[in-house]
PDB file of all heavy atoms in Angstrom:
ATOM      1  N   ILE A   1    -207.341  57.889 -48.023  1.00  0.00           N
ATOM      2  CA  ILE A   1    -207.437  57.076 -46.920  1.00  0.00           C
ATOM      3  C   ILE A   1    -208.129  55.796 -47.413  1.00  0.00           C
ATOM      4  O   ILE A   1    -209.286  55.766 -47.716  1.00  0.00           O
ATOM      5  CB  ILE A   1    -208.237  57.710 -45.785  1.00  0.00           C
ATOM      6  CG1 ILE A   1    -207.663  59.119 -45.474  1.00  0.00           C
ATOM      7  CG2 ILE A   1    -208.264  56.823 -44.528  1.00  0.00           C
ATOM      8  CD1 ILE A   1    -206.343  59.132 -44.858  1.00  0.00           C
ATOM      9  N   PRO A   2    -207.391  54.685 -47.277  1.00  0.00           N
ATOM     10  CA  PRO A   2    -208.066  53.417 -47.917  1.00  0.00           C
ATOM     11  C   PRO A   2    -209.108  52.835 -46.954  1.00  0.00           C
ATOM     12  O   PRO A   2    -209.149  53.208 -45.690  1.00  0.00           O
ATOM     13  CB  PRO A   2    -206.771  52.398 -47.879  1.00  0.00           C
ATOM     14  CG  PRO A   2    -205.823  52.991 -46.931  1.00  0.00           C
ATOM     15  CD  PRO A   2    -206.080  54.498 -46.827  1.00  0.00           C
ATOM     16  N   PRO A   3    -210.036  52.123 -47.485  1.00  0.00           N
ATOM     17  CA  PRO A   3    -211.238  51.692 -46.703  1.00  0.00           C
ATOM     18  C   PRO A   3    -210.873  50.384 -45.918  1.00  0.00           C
ATOM     19  O   PRO A   3    -211.394  49.310 -45.961  1.00  0.00           O
ATOM     20  CB  PRO A   3    -212.245  51.318 -47.794  1.00  0.00           C
ATOM     21  CG  PRO A   3    -211.490  50.919 -48.905  1.00  0.00           C
ATOM     22  CD  PRO A   3    -210.141  51.833 -48.898  1.00  0.00           C
ATOM     23  N   ILE A   4    -209.862  50.557 -44.959  1.00  0.00           N
ATOM     24  CA  ILE A   4    -209.437  49.467 -44.181  1.00  0.00           C
ATOM     25  C   ILE A   4    -209.845  49.752 -42.725  1.00  0.00           C
ATOM     26  O   ILE A   4    -209.496  50.729 -42.168  1.00  0.00           O
ATOM     27  CB  ILE A   4    -207.838  49.407 -44.185  1.00  0.00           C
ATOM     28  CG1 ILE A   4    -207.465  49.034 -45.580  1.00  0.00           C
ATOM     29  CG2 ILE A   4    -207.506  48.308 -43.176  1.00  0.00           C
ATOM     30  CD1 ILE A   4    -205.933  49.143 -45.716  1.00  0.00           C
ATOM     31  N   GLY A   5    -210.772  48.850 -42.168  1.00  0.00           N
ATOM     32  CA  GLY A   5    -211.188  49.007 -40.839  1.00  0.00           C
ATOM     33  C   GLY A   5    -211.855  50.312 -40.678  1.00  0.00           C
ATOM     34  O   GLY A   5    -212.683  50.850 -41.444  1.00  0.00           O
ATOM     35  N   GLU A   6    -211.496  51.012 -39.602  1.00  0.00           N
ATOM     36  CA  GLU A   6    -211.973  52.333 -39.186  1.00  0.00           C
ATOM     37  C   GLU A   6    -211.098  53.553 -39.531  1.00  0.00           C
ATOM     38  O   GLU A   6    -211.287  54.685 -39.131  1.00  0.00           O
ATOM     39  CB  GLU A   6    -212.252  52.499 -37.654  1.00  0.00           C
ATOM     40  CG  GLU A   6    -213.102  51.334 -37.147  1.00  0.00           C
ATOM     41  CD  GLU A   6    -214.558  51.466 -37.619  1.00  0.00           C
ATOM     42  OE1 GLU A   6    -215.171  52.462 -37.552  1.00  0.00           O
ATOM     43  OE2 GLU A   6    -215.011  50.441 -38.204  1.00  0.00           O
ATOM     44  N   LEU A   7    -210.191  53.271 -40.510  1.00  0.00           N
ATOM     45  CA  LEU A   7    -209.173  54.368 -40.900  1.00  0.00           C
ATOM     46  C   LEU A   7    -209.853  55.634 -41.358  1.00  0.00           C
ATOM     47  O   LEU A   7    -209.459  56.751 -41.032  1.00  0.00           O
ATOM     48  CB  LEU A   7    -208.318  53.882 -41.992  1.00  0.00           C
ATOM     49  CG  LEU A   7    -207.184  52.809 -41.595  1.00  0.00           C
ATOM     50  CD1 LEU A   7    -206.362  52.625 -42.794  1.00  0.00           C
ATOM     51  CD2 LEU A   7    -206.280  53.466 -40.532  1.00  0.00           C
ATOM     52  N   ARG A   8    -211.030  55.486 -41.988  1.00  0.00           N
ATOM     53  CA  ARG A   8    -211.715  56.733 -42.552  1.00  0.00           C
ATOM     54  C   ARG A   8    -212.458  57.551 -41.657  1.00  0.00           C
ATOM     55  O   ARG A   8    -212.811  58.648 -41.925  1.00  0.00           O
ATOM     56  CB  ARG A   8    -212.533  56.347 -43.756  1.00  0.00           C
ATOM     57  CG  ARG A   8    -211.734  55.885 -45.035  1.00  0.00           C
ATOM     58  CD  ARG A   8    -212.551  55.646 -46.161  1.00  0.00           C
ATOM     59  NE  ARG A   8    -211.811  55.482 -47.448  1.00  0.00           N
ATOM     60  CZ  ARG A   8    -212.323  55.187 -48.607  1.00  0.00           C
ATOM     61  NH1 ARG A   8    -213.689  55.082 -48.740  1.00  0.00           N
ATOM     62  NH2 ARG A   8    -211.554  54.988 -49.671  1.00  0.00           N
ATOM     63  N   ILE A   9    -212.714  56.910 -40.489  1.00  0.00           N
ATOM     64  CA  ILE A   9    -213.636  57.645 -39.456  1.00  0.00           C
ATOM     65  C   ILE A   9    -212.961  57.823 -38.106  1.00  0.00           C
ATOM     66  O   ILE A   9    -213.572  58.570 -37.324  1.00  0.00           O
ATOM     67  CB  ILE A   9    -215.022  56.887 -39.338  1.00  0.00           C
ATOM     68  CG1 ILE A   9    -214.772  55.469 -38.838  1.00  0.00           C
ATOM     69  CG2 ILE A   9    -215.756  56.885 -40.735  1.00  0.00           C
ATOM     70  CD1 ILE A   9    -216.175  54.773 -38.579  1.00  0.00           C
ATOM     71  N   ALA A  10    -212.015  57.109 -37.935  1.00  0.00           N
ATOM     72  CA  ALA A  10    -211.419  57.223 -36.431  1.00  0.00           C
ATOM     73  C   ALA A  10    -210.768  58.566 -36.256  1.00  0.00           C
ATOM     74  O   ALA A  10    -210.318  59.298 -37.104  1.00  0.00           O
ATOM     75  CB  ALA A  10    -210.370  56.157 -36.292  1.00  0.00           C
ATOM     76  N   LYS A  11    -210.890  59.009 -34.995  1.00  0.00           N
ATOM     77  CA  LYS A  11    -210.449  60.460 -34.623  1.00  0.00           C
ATOM     78  C   LYS A  11    -208.957  60.584 -34.658  1.00  0.00           C
ATOM     79  O   LYS A  11    -208.451  61.681 -34.777  1.00  0.00           O
ATOM     80  CB  LYS A  11    -211.011  60.738 -33.235  1.00  0.00           C
ATOM     81  CG  LYS A  11    -212.446  60.665 -33.121  1.00  0.00           C
ATOM     82  CD  LYS A  11    -212.920  61.059 -31.685  1.00  0.00           C
ATOM     83  CE  LYS A  11    -214.493  60.985 -31.538  1.00  0.00           C
ATOM     84  NZ  LYS A  11    -214.769  61.158 -30.147  1.00  0.00           N
ATOM     85  N   ASN A  12    -208.206  59.512 -34.484  1.00  0.00           N
ATOM     86  CA  ASN A  12    -206.665  59.570 -34.369  1.00  0.00           C
ATOM     87  C   ASN A  12    -205.944  59.140 -35.683  1.00  0.00           C
ATOM     88  O   ASN A  12    -204.889  58.639 -35.621  1.00  0.00           O
ATOM     89  CB  ASN A  12    -206.210  58.861 -33.159  1.00  0.00           C
ATOM     90  CG  ASN A  12    -206.537  57.380 -33.210  1.00  0.00           C
ATOM     91  OD1 ASN A  12    -207.460  56.940 -33.880  1.00  0.00           O
ATOM     92  ND2 ASN A  12    -205.748  56.549 -32.546  1.00  0.00           N
ATOM     93  N   VAL A  13    -206.657  59.214 -36.705  1.00  0.00           N
ATOM     94  CA  VAL A  13    -206.029  59.006 -38.100  1.00  0.00           C
ATOM     95  C   VAL A  13    -205.866  60.303 -38.856  1.00  0.00           C
ATOM     96  O   VAL A  13    -206.873  61.114 -38.920  1.00  0.00           O
ATOM     97  CB  VAL A  13    -206.918  58.059 -38.951  1.00  0.00           C
ATOM     98  CG1 VAL A  13    -206.325  57.829 -40.293  1.00  0.00           C
ATOM     99  CG2 VAL A  13    -206.958  56.789 -38.160  1.00  0.00           C
ATOM    100  N   PHE A  14    -204.574  60.517 -39.437  1.00  0.00           N
ATOM    101  CA  PHE A  14    -204.262  61.743 -40.082  1.00  0.00           C
ATOM    102  C   PHE A  14    -203.652  61.479 -41.421  1.00  0.00           C
ATOM    103  O   PHE A  14    -202.919  60.520 -41.561  1.00  0.00           O
ATOM    104  CB  PHE A  14    -203.382  62.550 -39.145  1.00  0.00           C
ATOM    105  CG  PHE A  14    -203.828  62.782 -37.809  1.00  0.00           C
ATOM    106  CD1 PHE A  14    -203.342  61.880 -36.818  1.00  0.00           C
ATOM    107  CD2 PHE A  14    -204.693  63.778 -37.358  1.00  0.00           C
ATOM    108  CE1 PHE A  14    -203.826  62.042 -35.508  1.00  0.00           C
ATOM    109  CE2 PHE A  14    -205.060  63.973 -36.136  1.00  0.00           C
ATOM    110  CZ  PHE A  14    -204.654  63.068 -35.144  1.00  0.00           C
ATOM    111  N   GLY A  15    -203.909  62.427 -42.327  1.00  0.00           N
ATOM    112  CA  GLY A  15    -203.141  62.639 -43.612  1.00  0.00           C
ATOM    113  C   GLY A  15    -202.005  63.545 -43.293  1.00  0.00           C
ATOM    114  O   GLY A  15    -201.951  64.186 -42.091  1.00  0.00           O
ATOM    115  N   LEU A  16    -201.210  63.806 -44.225  1.00  0.00           N
ATOM    116  CA  LEU A  16    -200.183  64.993 -44.178  1.00  0.00           C
ATOM    117  C   LEU A  16    -200.121  65.628 -45.477  1.00  0.00           C
ATOM    118  O   LEU A  16    -199.167  65.541 -46.205  1.00  0.00           O
ATOM    119  CB  LEU A  16    -198.836  64.358 -43.662  1.00  0.00           C
ATOM    120  CG  LEU A  16    -197.807  65.446 -43.300  1.00  0.00           C
ATOM    121  CD1 LEU A  16    -198.324  66.403 -42.287  1.00  0.00           C
ATOM    122  CD2 LEU A  16    -196.429  64.889 -43.005  1.00  0.00           C
ATOM    123  N   ARG A  17    -201.223  66.431 -45.754  1.00  0.00           N
ATOM    124  CA  ARG A  17    -201.171  67.045 -47.124  1.00  0.00           C
ATOM    125  C   ARG A  17    -201.217  68.553 -46.874  1.00  0.00           C
ATOM    126  O   ARG A  17    -200.729  69.317 -47.782  1.00  0.00           O
ATOM    127  CB  ARG A  17    -202.475  66.544 -47.797  1.00  0.00           C
ATOM    128  CG  ARG A  17    -202.661  67.117 -49.142  1.00  0.00           C
ATOM    129  CD  ARG A  17    -201.464  66.630 -50.058  1.00  0.00           C
ATOM    130  NE  ARG A  17    -201.499  67.357 -51.322  1.00  0.00           N
ATOM    131  CZ  ARG A  17    -200.502  67.155 -52.253  1.00  0.00           C
ATOM    132  NH1 ARG A  17    -199.517  66.380 -52.004  1.00  0.00           N
ATOM    133  NH2 ARG A  17    -200.544  67.838 -53.367  1.00  0.00           N
ATOM    134  N   ASN A  18    -201.883  69.015 -45.777  1.00  0.00           N
ATOM    135  CA  ASN A  18    -202.075  70.506 -45.625  1.00  0.00           C
ATOM    136  C   ASN A  18    -201.476  70.881 -44.240  1.00  0.00           C
ATOM    137  O   ASN A  18    -201.426  69.943 -43.376  1.00  0.00           O
ATOM    138  CB  ASN A  18    -203.486  70.853 -45.676  1.00  0.00           C
ATOM    139  CG  ASN A  18    -204.120  70.525 -47.088  1.00  0.00           C
ATOM    140  OD1 ASN A  18    -203.659  70.992 -48.105  1.00  0.00           O
ATOM    141  ND2 ASN A  18    -205.109  69.718 -47.014  1.00  0.00           N
ATOM    142  N   LEU A  19    -201.342  72.110 -44.094  1.00  0.00           N
ATOM    143  CA  LEU A  19    -200.906  72.671 -42.696  1.00  0.00           C
ATOM    144  C   LEU A  19    -201.844  72.201 -41.667  1.00  0.00           C
ATOM    145  O   LEU A  19    -201.482  71.895 -40.543  1.00  0.00           O
ATOM    146  CB  LEU A  19    -200.658  74.077 -42.714  1.00  0.00           C
ATOM    147  CG  LEU A  19    -200.318  74.901 -41.424  1.00  0.00           C
ATOM    148  CD1 LEU A  19    -199.062  74.228 -40.877  1.00  0.00           C
ATOM    149  CD2 LEU A  19    -200.117  76.336 -41.573  1.00  0.00           C
ATOM    150  N   SER A  20    -203.121  72.233 -41.910  1.00  0.00           N
ATOM    151  CA  SER A  20    -204.178  71.866 -41.012  1.00  0.00           C
ATOM    152  C   SER A  20    -203.949  70.354 -40.447  1.00  0.00           C
ATOM    153  O   SER A  20    -204.141  70.063 -39.289  1.00  0.00           O
ATOM    154  CB  SER A  20    -205.610  71.982 -41.476  1.00  0.00           C
ATOM    155  OG  SER A  20    -205.758  71.371 -42.671  1.00  0.00           O
ATOM    156  N   ASP A  21    -203.446  69.510 -41.440  1.00  0.00           N
ATOM    157  CA  ASP A  21    -203.175  68.199 -40.997  1.00  0.00           C
ATOM    158  C   ASP A  21    -201.959  68.160 -39.996  1.00  0.00           C
ATOM    159  O   ASP A  21    -202.031  67.447 -39.037  1.00  0.00           O
ATOM    160  CB  ASP A  21    -202.784  67.341 -42.272  1.00  0.00           C
ATOM    161  CG  ASP A  21    -203.896  67.118 -43.179  1.00  0.00           C
ATOM    162  OD1 ASP A  21    -205.027  67.111 -42.817  1.00  0.00           O
ATOM    163  OD2 ASP A  21    -203.545  67.151 -44.457  1.00  0.00           O
ATOM    164  N   ALA A  22    -200.906  68.858 -40.393  1.00  0.00           N
ATOM    165  CA  ALA A  22    -199.728  68.925 -39.450  1.00  0.00           C
ATOM    166  C   ALA A  22    -200.095  69.504 -38.157  1.00  0.00           C
ATOM    167  O   ALA A  22    -199.651  68.984 -37.144  1.00  0.00           O
ATOM    168  CB  ALA A  22    -198.571  69.661 -40.155  1.00  0.00           C
ATOM    169  N   GLN A  23    -200.946  70.526 -38.138  1.00  0.00           N
ATOM    170  CA  GLN A  23    -201.302  71.123 -36.842  1.00  0.00           C
ATOM    171  C   GLN A  23    -202.124  70.204 -35.984  1.00  0.00           C
ATOM    172  O   GLN A  23    -201.873  70.144 -34.770  1.00  0.00           O
ATOM    173  CB  GLN A  23    -202.246  72.420 -37.153  1.00  0.00           C
ATOM    174  CG  GLN A  23    -201.355  73.573 -37.708  1.00  0.00           C
ATOM    175  CD  GLN A  23    -202.219  74.702 -38.232  1.00  0.00           C
ATOM    176  OE1 GLN A  23    -203.362  74.492 -38.725  1.00  0.00           O
ATOM    177  NE2 GLN A  23    -201.690  75.886 -38.132  1.00  0.00           N
ATOM    178  N   SER A  24    -202.979  69.405 -36.672  1.00  0.00           N
ATOM    179  CA  SER A  24    -203.771  68.377 -35.937  1.00  0.00           C
ATOM    180  C   SER A  24    -202.870  67.332 -35.338  1.00  0.00           C
ATOM    181  O   SER A  24    -203.017  66.807 -34.168  1.00  0.00           O
ATOM    182  CB  SER A  24    -204.801  67.704 -36.790  1.00  0.00           C
ATOM    183  OG  SER A  24    -205.781  68.659 -37.167  1.00  0.00           O
ATOM    184  N   ILE A  25    -201.860  66.899 -36.019  1.00  0.00           N
ATOM    185  CA  ILE A  25    -200.845  65.955 -35.521  1.00  0.00           C
ATOM    186  C   ILE A  25    -200.075  66.338 -34.323  1.00  0.00           C
ATOM    187  O   ILE A  25    -199.995  65.797 -33.208  1.00  0.00           O
ATOM    188  CB  ILE A  25    -199.873  65.422 -36.671  1.00  0.00           C
ATOM    189  CG1 ILE A  25    -200.590  64.773 -37.780  1.00  0.00           C
ATOM    190  CG2 ILE A  25    -198.841  64.655 -36.058  1.00  0.00           C
ATOM    191  CD1 ILE A  25    -199.807  64.475 -38.985  1.00  0.00           C
ATOM    192  N   VAL A  26    -199.588  67.629 -34.413  1.00  0.00           N
ATOM    193  CA  VAL A  26    -198.863  68.159 -33.354  1.00  0.00           C
ATOM    194  C   VAL A  26    -199.796  68.350 -32.105  1.00  0.00           C
ATOM    195  O   VAL A  26    -199.300  68.170 -30.937  1.00  0.00           O
ATOM    196  CB  VAL A  26    -198.267  69.616 -33.793  1.00  0.00           C
ATOM    197  CG1 VAL A  26    -197.695  70.324 -32.491  1.00  0.00           C
ATOM    198  CG2 VAL A  26    -197.180  69.401 -34.855  1.00  0.00           C
ATOM    199  N   LYS A  27    -200.984  68.741 -32.274  1.00  0.00           N
ATOM    200  CA  LYS A  27    -201.848  69.037 -31.276  1.00  0.00           C
ATOM    201  C   LYS A  27    -202.202  67.590 -30.539  1.00  0.00           C
ATOM    202  O   LYS A  27    -202.485  67.585 -29.329  1.00  0.00           O
ATOM    203  CB  LYS A  27    -203.174  69.674 -31.745  1.00  0.00           C
ATOM    204  CG  LYS A  27    -204.258  69.904 -30.659  1.00  0.00           C
ATOM    205  CD  LYS A  27    -205.435  70.622 -31.267  1.00  0.00           C
ATOM    206  CE  LYS A  27    -206.462  70.874 -30.133  1.00  0.00           C
ATOM    207  NZ  LYS A  27    -207.718  71.544 -30.797  1.00  0.00           N
ATOM    208  N   ASN A  28    -202.430  66.694 -31.326  1.00  0.00           N
ATOM    209  CA  ASN A  28    -202.962  65.340 -30.743  1.00  0.00           C
ATOM    210  C   ASN A  28    -201.942  64.245 -30.532  1.00  0.00           C
ATOM    211  O   ASN A  28    -202.347  63.181 -29.817  1.00  0.00           O
ATOM    212  CB  ASN A  28    -203.996  64.808 -31.690  1.00  0.00           C
ATOM    213  CG  ASN A  28    -205.273  65.662 -31.828  1.00  0.00           C
ATOM    214  OD1 ASN A  28    -206.096  65.686 -30.790  1.00  0.00           O
ATOM    215  ND2 ASN A  28    -205.401  66.497 -32.778  1.00  0.00           N
ATOM    216  N   VAL A  29    -200.802  64.315 -30.921  1.00  0.00           N
ATOM    217  CA  VAL A  29    -199.745  63.340 -30.718  1.00  0.00           C
ATOM    218  C   VAL A  29    -198.606  63.820 -29.851  1.00  0.00           C
ATOM    219  O   VAL A  29    -197.843  64.693 -30.279  1.00  0.00           O
ATOM    220  CB  VAL A  29    -199.183  62.825 -32.150  1.00  0.00           C
ATOM    221  CG1 VAL A  29    -198.194  61.764 -31.857  1.00  0.00           C
ATOM    222  CG2 VAL A  29    -200.316  62.353 -33.020  1.00  0.00           C
ATOM    223  N   ALA A  30    -198.549  63.310 -28.722  1.00  0.00           N
ATOM    224  CA  ALA A  30    -197.569  63.822 -27.664  1.00  0.00           C
ATOM    225  C   ALA A  30    -196.243  62.972 -27.714  1.00  0.00           C
ATOM    226  O   ALA A  30    -196.170  61.900 -28.269  1.00  0.00           O
ATOM    227  CB  ALA A  30    -198.209  63.582 -26.310  1.00  0.00           C
ATOM    228  N   THR A  31    -195.230  63.683 -27.175  1.00  0.00           N
ATOM    229  CA  THR A  31    -193.928  62.991 -27.146  1.00  0.00           C
ATOM    230  C   THR A  31    -194.022  61.674 -26.433  1.00  0.00           C
ATOM    231  O   THR A  31    -194.708  61.550 -25.353  1.00  0.00           O
ATOM    232  CB  THR A  31    -192.936  63.935 -26.433  1.00  0.00           C
ATOM    233  OG1 THR A  31    -192.736  65.055 -27.141  1.00  0.00           O
ATOM    234  CG2 THR A  31    -191.586  63.212 -26.226  1.00  0.00           C
ATOM    235  N   GLY A  32    -193.438  60.596 -26.972  1.00  0.00           N
ATOM    236  CA  GLY A  32    -193.515  59.309 -26.376  1.00  0.00           C
ATOM    237  C   GLY A  32    -194.679  58.418 -26.974  1.00  0.00           C
ATOM    238  O   GLY A  32    -194.699  57.268 -26.596  1.00  0.00           O
ATOM    239  N   ALA A  33    -195.485  59.067 -27.656  1.00  0.00           N
ATOM    240  CA  ALA A  33    -196.626  58.225 -28.298  1.00  0.00           C
ATOM    241  C   ALA A  33    -196.167  57.289 -29.351  1.00  0.00           C
ATOM    242  O   ALA A  33    -195.057  57.430 -29.903  1.00  0.00           O
ATOM    243  CB  ALA A  33    -197.588  59.197 -28.883  1.00  0.00           C
ATOM    244  N   ASN A  34    -196.847  56.156 -29.537  1.00  0.00           N
ATOM    245  CA  ASN A  34    -196.603  55.220 -30.561  1.00  0.00           C
ATOM    246  C   ASN A  34    -197.397  55.406 -31.850  1.00  0.00           C
ATOM    247  O   ASN A  34    -198.644  55.428 -31.791  1.00  0.00           O
ATOM    248  CB  ASN A  34    -196.912  53.791 -29.995  1.00  0.00           C
ATOM    249  CG  ASN A  34    -196.044  53.485 -28.839  1.00  0.00           C
ATOM    250  OD1 ASN A  34    -194.772  53.555 -28.921  1.00  0.00           O
ATOM    251  ND2 ASN A  34    -196.618  53.078 -27.749  1.00  0.00           N
ATOM    252  N   VAL A  35    -196.770  55.736 -32.951  1.00  0.00           N
ATOM    253  CA  VAL A  35    -197.465  56.077 -34.096  1.00  0.00           C
ATOM    254  C   VAL A  35    -197.085  55.159 -35.223  1.00  0.00           C
ATOM    255  O   VAL A  35    -195.978  54.846 -35.463  1.00  0.00           O
ATOM    256  CB  VAL A  35    -197.066  57.583 -34.563  1.00  0.00           C
ATOM    257  CG1 VAL A  35    -197.719  57.929 -35.887  1.00  0.00           C
ATOM    258  CG2 VAL A  35    -197.531  58.549 -33.525  1.00  0.00           C
ATOM    259  N   ILE A  36    -198.077  54.743 -35.956  1.00  0.00           N
ATOM    260  CA  ILE A  36    -197.879  53.900 -37.204  1.00  0.00           C
ATOM    261  C   ILE A  36    -198.059  54.795 -38.442  1.00  0.00           C
ATOM    262  O   ILE A  36    -199.105  55.486 -38.541  1.00  0.00           O
ATOM    263  CB  ILE A  36    -198.803  52.777 -37.276  1.00  0.00           C
ATOM    264  CG1 ILE A  36    -198.624  51.824 -36.091  1.00  0.00           C
ATOM    265  CG2 ILE A  36    -198.711  51.971 -38.592  1.00  0.00           C
ATOM    266  CD1 ILE A  36    -199.674  50.633 -35.919  1.00  0.00           C
ATOM    267  N   VAL A  37    -197.023  54.817 -39.287  1.00  0.00           N
ATOM    268  CA  VAL A  37    -197.066  55.587 -40.588  1.00  0.00           C
ATOM    269  C   VAL A  37    -197.245  54.472 -41.608  1.00  0.00           C
ATOM    270  O   VAL A  37    -196.457  53.631 -41.744  1.00  0.00           O
ATOM    271  CB  VAL A  37    -195.782  56.301 -40.840  1.00  0.00           C
ATOM    272  CG1 VAL A  37    -195.948  56.965 -42.147  1.00  0.00           C
ATOM    273  CG2 VAL A  37    -195.530  57.432 -39.754  1.00  0.00           C
ATOM    274  N   ILE A  38    -198.460  54.567 -42.245  1.00  0.00           N
ATOM    275  CA  ILE A  38    -198.803  53.619 -43.325  1.00  0.00           C
ATOM    276  C   ILE A  38    -198.331  54.206 -44.697  1.00  0.00           C
ATOM    277  O   ILE A  38    -198.893  55.286 -45.140  1.00  0.00           O
ATOM    278  CB  ILE A  38    -200.240  53.251 -43.405  1.00  0.00           C
ATOM    279  CG1 ILE A  38    -200.677  52.677 -42.002  1.00  0.00           C
ATOM    280  CG2 ILE A  38    -200.537  52.273 -44.451  1.00  0.00           C
ATOM    281  CD1 ILE A  38    -202.136  52.405 -41.955  1.00  0.00           C
ATOM    282  N   GLY A  39    -197.382  53.637 -45.369  1.00  0.00           N
ATOM    283  CA  GLY A  39    -196.774  54.126 -46.588  1.00  0.00           C
ATOM    284  C   GLY A  39    -195.480  54.883 -46.283  1.00  0.00           C
ATOM    285  O   GLY A  39    -195.283  55.602 -45.479  1.00  0.00           O
ATOM    286  N   SER A  40    -194.475  54.387 -47.195  1.00  0.00           N
ATOM    287  CA  SER A  40    -193.070  54.918 -46.933  1.00  0.00           C
ATOM    288  C   SER A  40    -192.608  55.681 -48.204  1.00  0.00           C
ATOM    289  O   SER A  40    -191.472  55.703 -48.484  1.00  0.00           O
ATOM    290  CB  SER A  40    -192.131  53.779 -46.762  1.00  0.00           C
ATOM    291  OG  SER A  40    -191.979  52.982 -47.943  1.00  0.00           O
ATOM    292  N   GLY A  41    -193.575  56.439 -48.936  1.00  0.00           N
ATOM    293  CA  GLY A  41    -193.154  57.395 -49.892  1.00  0.00           C
ATOM    294  C   GLY A  41    -192.634  58.561 -49.231  1.00  0.00           C
ATOM    295  O   GLY A  41    -192.347  58.686 -48.151  1.00  0.00           O
ATOM    296  N   LEU A  42    -192.433  59.666 -50.071  1.00  0.00           N
ATOM    297  CA  LEU A  42    -191.850  60.859 -49.439  1.00  0.00           C
ATOM    298  C   LEU A  42    -192.634  61.488 -48.364  1.00  0.00           C
ATOM    299  O   LEU A  42    -192.054  61.910 -47.386  1.00  0.00           O
ATOM    300  CB  LEU A  42    -191.604  61.911 -50.621  1.00  0.00           C
ATOM    301  CG  LEU A  42    -190.435  61.704 -51.518  1.00  0.00           C
ATOM    302  CD1 LEU A  42    -190.440  62.685 -52.750  1.00  0.00           C
ATOM    303  CD2 LEU A  42    -189.123  61.951 -50.686  1.00  0.00           C
ATOM    304  N   VAL A  43    -193.962  61.449 -48.484  1.00  0.00           N
ATOM    305  CA  VAL A  43    -194.788  62.020 -47.434  1.00  0.00           C
ATOM    306  C   VAL A  43    -194.721  61.186 -46.203  1.00  0.00           C
ATOM    307  O   VAL A  43    -194.533  61.720 -45.138  1.00  0.00           O
ATOM    308  CB  VAL A  43    -196.238  62.213 -47.810  1.00  0.00           C
ATOM    309  CG1 VAL A  43    -197.129  62.521 -46.789  1.00  0.00           C
ATOM    310  CG2 VAL A  43    -196.431  63.142 -49.070  1.00  0.00           C
ATOM    311  N   GLY A  44    -194.798  59.893 -46.411  1.00  0.00           N
ATOM    312  CA  GLY A  44    -194.553  59.075 -45.124  1.00  0.00           C
ATOM    313  C   GLY A  44    -193.277  59.140 -44.439  1.00  0.00           C
ATOM    314  O   GLY A  44    -193.249  59.219 -43.238  1.00  0.00           O
TER     315      GLY A  44
END
């Protein structure tokens, strides 16, 4: 997580490395939400 603004401490910022990350995204991001994905590699 790069040291840009509040990315490292904000509650609604997620990685996608482990199942726990994916579970948090599903739990906290509802249909219709606006999500920014930073990075367009395979994970992104």
